[in-house]
Amino acid sequence: MQPTIPIPQHWAYPRFALEQRTKQGIILGLQYYPNGTELAEQFGGGWRYALMPKKNSDELFHFQESQIKPLSPQELFSEITAEIEFYQQQINILNRQLAAMTGGITNA
């Protein structure tokens, strides 16, 4: 069973999901500012998202839902493909290091 988070019925449902890739980065968190509260008055009501611009970034930026732009299917495909290729290269490097260390005997 997948973990779920109940959202009150009088709140709008969030448009974006945790770990979703967007033009601004990867979504790491979200908050809801209900209308009529100080936070909503100050920052605008509705969902706000915390995004990390790059995978290894130490920065976190906050955006209102209306400020976030989703990736097109082509952009998402390119981004994921590039990440897969990067990790495949890393695996190849590690396999070569392991082979050098063991004299060419590996279980890979």
N, C-alpha and C. Protein backbone atom coordinates (compact mmCIF):
# COMPACT_ATOMS: atom_id res chain seq x y z
N MET A 1 0.83 -1.18 0.00
CA MET A 1 0.00 0.00 0.00
C MET A 1 0.89 1.25 0.00
N GLN A 2 0.55 2.20 -0.84
CA GLN A 2 1.32 3.44 -0.92
C GLN A 2 0.91 4.38 0.21
N PRO A 3 1.90 5.07 0.81
CA PRO A 3 1.55 6.04 1.84
C PRO A 3 0.74 7.19 1.22
N THR A 4 -0.22 7.69 1.95
CA THR A 4 -1.04 8.79 1.46
C THR A 4 -1.08 9.90 2.50
N ILE A 5 -1.36 11.08 2.02
CA ILE A 5 -1.52 12.24 2.90
C ILE A 5 -2.92 12.78 2.65
N PRO A 6 -3.76 12.77 3.66
CA PRO A 6 -5.11 13.31 3.44
C PRO A 6 -5.06 14.83 3.30
N ILE A 7 -5.82 15.33 2.35
CA ILE A 7 -5.91 16.77 2.12
C ILE A 7 -7.35 17.19 2.43
N PRO A 8 -7.53 18.20 3.27
CA PRO A 8 -8.90 18.62 3.59
C PRO A 8 -9.71 18.92 2.32
N GLN A 9 -10.98 18.59 2.35
CA GLN A 9 -11.82 18.74 1.16
C GLN A 9 -11.96 20.18 0.70
N HIS A 10 -11.83 21.14 1.62
CA HIS A 10 -11.99 22.53 1.23
C HIS A 10 -10.70 23.14 0.66
N TRP A 11 -9.63 22.37 0.59
CA TRP A 11 -8.39 22.82 -0.06
C TRP A 11 -8.39 22.34 -1.50
N ALA A 12 -7.79 23.12 -2.38
CA ALA A 12 -7.59 22.66 -3.76
C ALA A 12 -6.54 21.55 -3.74
N TYR A 13 -6.65 20.62 -4.67
CA TYR A 13 -5.67 19.53 -4.75
C TYR A 13 -4.39 20.07 -5.39
N PRO A 14 -3.19 19.68 -4.90
CA PRO A 14 -1.95 20.20 -5.50
C PRO A 14 -1.81 19.76 -6.95
N ARG A 15 -1.31 20.66 -7.77
CA ARG A 15 -1.13 20.38 -9.20
C ARG A 15 0.12 19.55 -9.47
N PHE A 16 1.12 19.65 -8.61
CA PHE A 16 2.41 18.98 -8.80
C PHE A 16 2.67 18.00 -7.67
N ALA A 17 3.53 17.01 -7.94
CA ALA A 17 3.83 15.95 -6.97
C ALA A 17 5.26 16.07 -6.45
N LEU A 18 5.49 15.47 -5.29
CA LEU A 18 6.85 15.39 -4.77
C LEU A 18 7.73 14.64 -5.76
N GLU A 19 8.96 15.08 -5.90
CA GLU A 19 9.98 14.54 -6.82
C GLU A 19 9.67 14.78 -8.29
N GLN A 20 8.62 15.53 -8.59
CA GLN A 20 8.33 15.84 -9.99
C GLN A 20 9.38 16.82 -10.51
N ARG A 21 9.85 16.57 -11.73
CA ARG A 21 10.82 17.45 -12.38
C ARG A 21 10.06 18.56 -13.10
N THR A 22 10.53 19.80 -12.92
CA THR A 22 9.91 20.95 -13.56
C THR A 22 11.03 21.80 -14.18
N LYS A 23 10.65 22.85 -14.90
CA LYS A 23 11.67 23.74 -15.48
C LYS A 23 12.49 24.43 -14.39
N GLN A 24 11.91 24.62 -13.20
CA GLN A 24 12.62 25.28 -12.11
C GLN A 24 13.45 24.30 -11.28
N GLY A 25 13.22 23.00 -11.41
CA GLY A 25 13.96 22.02 -10.64
C GLY A 25 13.07 20.88 -10.18
N ILE A 26 13.53 20.16 -9.17
CA ILE A 26 12.82 19.00 -8.64
C ILE A 26 12.06 19.41 -7.39
N ILE A 27 10.79 19.02 -7.31
CA ILE A 27 9.95 19.38 -6.17
C ILE A 27 10.31 18.49 -4.97
N LEU A 28 10.71 19.14 -3.87
CA LEU A 28 11.09 18.42 -2.65
C LEU A 28 10.07 18.58 -1.53
N GLY A 29 9.22 19.58 -1.63
CA GLY A 29 8.25 19.80 -0.57
C GLY A 29 7.14 20.70 -1.03
N LEU A 30 6.04 20.70 -0.27
CA LEU A 30 4.95 21.60 -0.58
C LEU A 30 4.24 22.01 0.70
N GLN A 31 3.65 23.21 0.66
CA GLN A 31 2.92 23.77 1.79
C GLN A 31 1.64 24.39 1.26
N TYR A 32 0.63 24.42 2.11
CA TYR A 32 -0.62 25.06 1.72
C TYR A 32 -0.86 26.26 2.62
N TYR A 33 -1.11 27.40 1.99
CA TYR A 33 -1.44 28.62 2.74
C TYR A 33 -2.93 28.88 2.56
N PRO A 34 -3.75 28.57 3.55
CA PRO A 34 -5.20 28.78 3.42
C PRO A 34 -5.54 30.27 3.31
N ASN A 35 -6.50 30.57 2.47
CA ASN A 35 -6.97 31.96 2.37
C ASN A 35 -7.47 32.44 3.71
N GLY A 36 -7.26 33.72 4.00
CA GLY A 36 -7.69 34.29 5.26
C GLY A 36 -6.65 34.19 6.36
N THR A 37 -5.48 33.61 6.06
CA THR A 37 -4.41 33.52 7.06
C THR A 37 -3.36 34.58 6.78
N GLU A 38 -2.53 34.83 7.76
CA GLU A 38 -1.45 35.82 7.60
C GLU A 38 -0.51 35.42 6.46
N LEU A 39 -0.16 34.12 6.39
CA LEU A 39 0.73 33.66 5.32
C LEU A 39 0.13 33.89 3.95
N ALA A 40 -1.16 33.62 3.81
CA ALA A 40 -1.82 33.84 2.52
C ALA A 40 -1.86 35.33 2.18
N GLU A 41 -2.09 36.16 3.19
CA GLU A 41 -2.09 37.61 2.95
C GLU A 41 -0.71 38.09 2.50
N GLN A 42 0.32 37.54 3.11
CA GLN A 42 1.68 37.97 2.82
C GLN A 42 2.23 37.39 1.52
N PHE A 43 1.97 36.10 1.27
CA PHE A 43 2.61 35.42 0.15
C PHE A 43 1.64 34.94 -0.93
N GLY A 44 0.35 35.01 -0.69
CA GLY A 44 -0.64 34.50 -1.62
C GLY A 44 -1.14 33.14 -1.15
N GLY A 45 -2.43 32.92 -1.29
CA GLY A 45 -3.03 31.68 -0.84
C GLY A 45 -2.78 30.54 -1.81
N GLY A 46 -2.94 29.33 -1.33
CA GLY A 46 -2.80 28.14 -2.17
C GLY A 46 -1.51 27.40 -1.89
N TRP A 47 -1.17 26.54 -2.84
CA TRP A 47 0.02 25.69 -2.69
C TRP A 47 1.29 26.43 -3.02
N ARG A 48 2.32 26.20 -2.23
CA ARG A 48 3.67 26.69 -2.48
C ARG A 48 4.58 25.47 -2.48
N TYR A 49 5.59 25.50 -3.33
CA TYR A 49 6.46 24.34 -3.52
C TYR A 49 7.91 24.72 -3.25
N ALA A 50 8.64 23.79 -2.63
CA ALA A 50 10.08 23.94 -2.42
C ALA A 50 10.77 23.12 -3.50
N LEU A 51 11.63 23.78 -4.28
CA LEU A 51 12.31 23.12 -5.39
C LEU A 51 13.81 23.26 -5.28
N MET A 52 14.51 22.20 -5.63
CA MET A 52 15.96 22.19 -5.72
C MET A 52 16.29 22.34 -7.21
N PRO A 53 17.03 23.40 -7.59
CA PRO A 53 17.25 23.66 -9.01
C PRO A 53 18.05 22.59 -9.75
N LYS A 54 19.01 21.99 -9.10
CA LYS A 54 19.83 20.93 -9.70
C LYS A 54 19.97 19.80 -8.70
N LYS A 55 20.20 18.61 -9.20
CA LYS A 55 20.23 17.41 -8.36
C LYS A 55 21.21 17.53 -7.18
N ASN A 56 22.38 18.11 -7.40
CA ASN A 56 23.38 18.21 -6.33
C ASN A 56 23.50 19.61 -5.76
N SER A 57 22.44 20.38 -5.87
CA SER A 57 22.44 21.75 -5.38
C SER A 57 22.24 21.78 -3.87
N ASP A 58 22.77 22.81 -3.24
CA ASP A 58 22.50 23.01 -1.82
C ASP A 58 21.51 24.15 -1.62
N GLU A 59 20.88 24.58 -2.72
CA GLU A 59 19.92 25.66 -2.66
C GLU A 59 18.50 25.10 -2.74
N LEU A 60 17.58 25.83 -2.14
CA LEU A 60 16.17 25.47 -2.17
C LEU A 60 15.40 26.75 -2.44
N PHE A 61 14.52 26.73 -3.43
CA PHE A 61 13.73 27.89 -3.79
C PHE A 61 12.25 27.58 -3.61
N HIS A 62 11.47 28.62 -3.29
CA HIS A 62 10.04 28.44 -3.06
C HIS A 62 9.26 29.18 -4.14
N PHE A 63 8.24 28.51 -4.69
CA PHE A 63 7.43 29.06 -5.76
C PHE A 63 5.95 28.84 -5.46
N GLN A 64 5.14 29.80 -5.89
CA GLN A 64 3.71 29.58 -5.89
C GLN A 64 3.39 28.61 -7.03
N GLU A 65 2.27 27.94 -6.89
CA GLU A 65 1.90 26.95 -7.90
C GLU A 65 1.85 27.56 -9.30
N SER A 66 1.36 28.78 -9.41
CA SER A 66 1.23 29.43 -10.72
C SER A 66 2.57 29.78 -11.36
N GLN A 67 3.64 29.79 -10.58
CA GLN A 67 4.97 30.13 -11.09
C GLN A 67 5.73 28.92 -11.64
N ILE A 68 5.24 27.72 -11.38
CA ILE A 68 5.95 26.51 -11.78
C ILE A 68 5.54 26.10 -13.19
N LYS A 69 6.53 25.78 -13.99
CA LYS A 69 6.31 25.35 -15.37
C LYS A 69 6.72 23.89 -15.50
N PRO A 70 5.79 23.02 -15.90
CA PRO A 70 6.15 21.61 -16.08
C PRO A 70 7.05 21.41 -17.29
N LEU A 71 7.80 20.34 -17.28
CA LEU A 71 8.60 19.97 -18.44
C LEU A 71 7.71 19.35 -19.50
N SER A 72 8.05 19.57 -20.76
CA SER A 72 7.34 18.88 -21.84
C SER A 72 7.75 17.41 -21.80
N PRO A 73 6.98 16.52 -22.41
CA PRO A 73 7.39 15.11 -22.45
C PRO A 73 8.78 14.93 -23.07
N GLN A 74 9.12 15.72 -24.08
CA GLN A 74 10.44 15.62 -24.72
C GLN A 74 11.54 16.07 -23.76
N GLU A 75 11.30 17.16 -23.04
CA GLU A 75 12.29 17.65 -22.07
C GLU A 75 12.49 16.64 -20.95
N LEU A 76 11.40 16.06 -20.47
CA LEU A 76 11.49 15.06 -19.42
C LEU A 76 12.25 13.83 -19.90
N PHE A 77 11.96 13.38 -21.11
CA PHE A 77 12.66 12.23 -21.69
C PHE A 77 14.16 12.52 -21.79
N SER A 78 14.52 13.70 -22.30
CA SER A 78 15.93 14.07 -22.45
C SER A 78 16.64 14.14 -21.11
N GLU A 79 15.98 14.71 -20.11
CA GLU A 79 16.59 14.85 -18.79
C GLU A 79 16.83 13.47 -18.16
N ILE A 80 15.85 12.61 -18.24
CA ILE A 80 16.00 11.28 -17.64
C ILE A 80 17.02 10.45 -18.41
N THR A 81 17.01 10.54 -19.73
CA THR A 81 17.98 9.81 -20.54
C THR A 81 19.41 10.25 -20.21
N ALA A 82 19.63 11.55 -20.07
CA ALA A 82 20.95 12.07 -19.72
C ALA A 82 21.38 11.56 -18.35
N GLU A 83 20.46 11.49 -17.40
CA GLU A 83 20.80 11.00 -16.07
C GLU A 83 21.14 9.51 -16.11
N ILE A 84 20.40 8.73 -16.89
CA ILE A 84 20.70 7.31 -17.05
C ILE A 84 22.09 7.12 -17.65
N GLU A 85 22.40 7.89 -18.69
CA GLU A 85 23.72 7.78 -19.33
C GLU A 85 24.84 8.14 -18.35
N PHE A 86 24.61 9.17 -17.53
CA PHE A 86 25.61 9.56 -16.54
C PHE A 86 25.87 8.40 -15.58
N TYR A 87 24.80 7.78 -15.06
CA TYR A 87 24.99 6.69 -14.11
C TYR A 87 25.57 5.44 -14.77
N GLN A 88 25.25 5.21 -16.03
CA GLN A 88 25.86 4.08 -16.73
C GLN A 88 27.37 4.29 -16.87
N GLN A 89 27.79 5.52 -17.13
CA GLN A 89 29.22 5.82 -17.20
C GLN A 89 29.87 5.60 -15.84
N GLN A 90 29.20 6.01 -14.77
CA GLN A 90 29.74 5.82 -13.43
C GLN A 90 29.88 4.33 -13.11
N ILE A 91 28.90 3.54 -13.50
CA ILE A 91 28.97 2.09 -13.28
C ILE A 91 30.13 1.49 -14.07
N ASN A 92 30.33 1.92 -15.29
CA ASN A 92 31.44 1.41 -16.10
C ASN A 92 32.78 1.75 -15.46
N ILE A 93 32.92 2.95 -14.95
CA ILE A 93 34.16 3.36 -14.28
C ILE A 93 34.40 2.48 -13.05
N LEU A 94 33.36 2.28 -12.26
CA LEU A 94 33.50 1.45 -11.05
C LEU A 94 33.83 0.00 -11.41
N ASN A 95 33.22 -0.53 -12.48
CA ASN A 95 33.53 -1.90 -12.91
C ASN A 95 34.99 -2.02 -13.35
N ARG A 96 35.50 -1.00 -14.05
CA ARG A 96 36.92 -1.02 -14.45
C ARG A 96 37.83 -0.96 -13.23
N GLN A 97 37.48 -0.12 -12.24
CA GLN A 97 38.27 -0.04 -11.03
C GLN A 97 38.27 -1.37 -10.28
N LEU A 98 37.10 -1.99 -10.22
CA LEU A 98 36.98 -3.29 -9.55
C LEU A 98 37.78 -4.34 -10.28
N ALA A 99 37.72 -4.34 -11.61
CA ALA A 99 38.49 -5.31 -12.40
C ALA A 99 39.98 -5.10 -12.20
N ALA A 100 40.43 -3.86 -12.14
CA ALA A 100 41.85 -3.58 -11.92
C ALA A 100 42.29 -4.04 -10.53
N MET A 101 41.44 -3.89 -9.57
CA MET A 101 41.75 -4.27 -8.20
C MET A 101 41.79 -5.79 -8.03
N THR A 102 40.92 -6.50 -8.73
CA THR A 102 40.82 -7.95 -8.57
C THR A 102 41.57 -8.72 -9.66
N GLY A 103 42.28 -8.01 -10.51
CA GLY A 103 43.02 -8.67 -11.58
C GLY A 103 42.12 -9.17 -12.70
N GLY A 104 40.98 -8.52 -12.90
CA GLY A 104 40.09 -8.88 -13.99
C GLY A 104 39.01 -9.87 -13.64
N ILE A 105 38.97 -10.34 -12.39
CA ILE A 105 37.95 -11.30 -11.96
C ILE A 105 36.83 -10.52 -11.27
N THR A 106 35.67 -10.47 -11.91
CA THR A 106 34.51 -9.78 -11.30
C THR A 106 33.29 -10.68 -11.45
N ASN A 107 32.28 -10.37 -10.70
CA ASN A 107 31.01 -11.10 -10.78
C ASN A 107 30.00 -10.33 -11.64
N ALA A 108 30.43 -9.26 -12.32
CA ALA A 108 29.50 -8.44 -13.07
C ALA A 108 29.20 -8.97 -14.44
